[in-house]
C-alpha atoms as a PDB file:
ATOM      1  CA  UNK A   1     -24.254  49.679  47.574  1.00  0.00           C
ATOM      2  CA  UNK A   2     -23.097  46.533  49.312  1.00  0.00           C
ATOM      3  CA  UNK A   3     -20.660  44.181  47.596  1.00  0.00           C
ATOM      4  CA  UNK A   4     -19.525  40.820  48.859  1.00  0.00           C
ATOM      5  CA  UNK A   5     -16.974  38.348  47.583  1.00  0.00           C
ATOM      6  CA  UNK A   6     -16.503  34.624  48.119  1.00  0.00           C
ATOM      7  CA  UNK A   7     -12.912  33.492  48.392  1.00  0.00           C
ATOM      8  CA  UNK A   8     -12.155  29.810  47.947  1.00  0.00           C
ATOM      9  CA  UNK A   9      -9.042  27.727  47.560  1.00  0.00           C
ATOM     10  CA  UNK A  10      -8.343  27.079  43.893  1.00  0.00           C
ATOM     11  CA  UNK A  11      -6.818  24.020  42.258  1.00  0.00           C
ATOM     12  CA  UNK A  12      -3.317  25.583  42.387  1.00  0.00           C
ATOM     13  CA  UNK A  13      -3.510  26.441  46.121  1.00  0.00           C
ATOM     14  CA  UNK A  14      -0.400  25.617  48.111  1.00  0.00           C
ATOM     15  CA  UNK A  15       0.962  26.648  51.486  1.00  0.00           C
ATOM     16  CA  UNK A  16       4.571  26.275  50.310  1.00  0.00           C
ATOM     17  CA  UNK A  17       6.129  28.937  48.115  1.00  0.00           C
ATOM     18  CA  UNK A  18       7.960  27.374  45.163  1.00  0.00           C
ATOM     19  CA  UNK A  19      10.642  29.526  43.539  1.00  0.00           C
ATOM     20  CA  UNK A  20      10.998  28.938  39.812  1.00  0.00           C
ATOM     21  CA  UNK A  21      14.398  28.009  38.430  1.00  0.00           C
ATOM     22  CA  UNK A  22      16.343  30.750  36.670  1.00  0.00           C
ATOM     23  CA  UNK A  23      19.235  28.811  35.132  1.00  0.00           C
ATOM     24  CA  UNK A  24      19.559  25.548  33.254  1.00  0.00           C
ATOM     25  CA  UNK A  25      22.603  23.633  34.498  1.00  0.00           C
ATOM     26  CA  UNK A  26      24.467  20.738  32.826  1.00  0.00           C
ATOM     27  CA  UNK A  27      23.390  18.480  35.702  1.00  0.00           C
ATOM     28  CA  UNK A  28      19.721  19.201  34.975  1.00  0.00           C
ATOM     29  CA  UNK A  29      20.253  18.311  31.328  1.00  0.00           C
ATOM     30  CA  UNK A  30      22.129  15.090  32.055  1.00  0.00           C
ATOM     31  CA  UNK A  31      19.606  13.825  34.619  1.00  0.00           C
ATOM     32  CA  UNK A  32      16.529  15.098  32.765  1.00  0.00           C
ATOM     33  CA  UNK A  33      15.189  16.816  35.910  1.00  0.00           C
ATOM     34  CA  UNK A  34      14.593  20.061  33.972  1.00  0.00           C
ATOM     35  CA  UNK A  35      11.410  18.585  32.504  1.00  0.00           C
ATOM     36  CA  UNK A  36       9.607  18.644  35.873  1.00  0.00           C
ATOM     37  CA  UNK A  37      10.917  21.998  37.156  1.00  0.00           C
ATOM     38  CA  UNK A  38       9.109  25.321  36.701  1.00  0.00           C
ATOM     39  CA  UNK A  39      11.290  27.976  35.049  1.00  0.00           C
ATOM     40  CA  UNK A  40      11.054  31.741  35.328  1.00  0.00           C
ATOM     41  CA  UNK A  41      10.040  33.303  31.980  1.00  0.00           C
ATOM     42  CA  UNK A  42      12.691  35.365  30.208  1.00  0.00           C
ATOM     43  CA  UNK A  43      12.165  39.077  29.581  1.00  0.00           C
ATOM     44  CA  UNK A  44      13.735  39.673  26.166  1.00  0.00           C
ATOM     45  CA  UNK A  45      12.684  43.337  26.107  1.00  0.00           C
ATOM     46  CA  UNK A  46      14.756  44.228  29.196  1.00  0.00           C
ATOM     47  CA  UNK A  47      17.637  46.579  28.484  1.00  0.00           C
ATOM     48  CA  UNK A  48      19.931  45.418  31.278  1.00  0.00           C
ATOM     49  CA  UNK A  49      22.271  47.464  33.442  1.00  0.00           C
ATOM     50  CA  UNK A  50      24.892  49.725  31.896  1.00  0.00           C
ATOM     51  CA  UNK A  51      28.494  48.914  32.845  1.00  0.00           C
ATOM     52  CA  UNK A  52      29.660  50.944  35.842  1.00  0.00           C
ATOM     53  CA  UNK A  53      33.397  50.653  35.267  1.00  0.00           C
ATOM     54  CA  UNK A  54      35.892  51.463  32.555  1.00  0.00           C
ATOM     55  CA  UNK A  55      37.887  54.452  31.361  1.00  0.00           C
ATOM     56  CA  UNK A  56      39.382  55.886  28.227  1.00  0.00           C
ATOM     57  CA  UNK A  57      42.820  54.778  27.106  1.00  0.00           C
ATOM     58  CA  UNK A  58      45.427  57.506  27.811  1.00  0.00           C
ATOM     59  CA  UNK A  59      46.177  57.924  24.097  1.00  0.00           C
ATOM     60  CA  UNK A  60      42.487  58.414  23.347  1.00  0.00           C
ATOM     61  CA  UNK A  61      42.346  61.113  26.028  1.00  0.00           C
ATOM     62  CA  UNK A  62      45.293  62.940  24.443  1.00  0.00           C
ATOM     63  CA  UNK A  63      43.723  62.642  20.994  1.00  0.00           C
ATOM     64  CA  UNK A  64      40.429  64.111  22.229  1.00  0.00           C
ATOM     65  CA  UNK A  65      42.311  66.975  23.944  1.00  0.00           C
ATOM     66  CA  UNK A  66      44.228  67.781  20.736  1.00  0.00           C
ATOM     67  CA  UNK A  67      41.042  67.926  18.715  1.00  0.00           C
END
């Protein structure tokens, strides 16, 4: 079996890589430039990173030891 494919430049072809915006700044709102910029879609189902710092209060440690 022989398969062949034709690859052509589409209507959205570009040689420059455009990075989408990730944050909406007050300057974008005041100038209105946010209307023409592409934005990265939000992932609302992402859990995020757990905090890597923090500790128990010394009194809470003593209370847990007494229990």
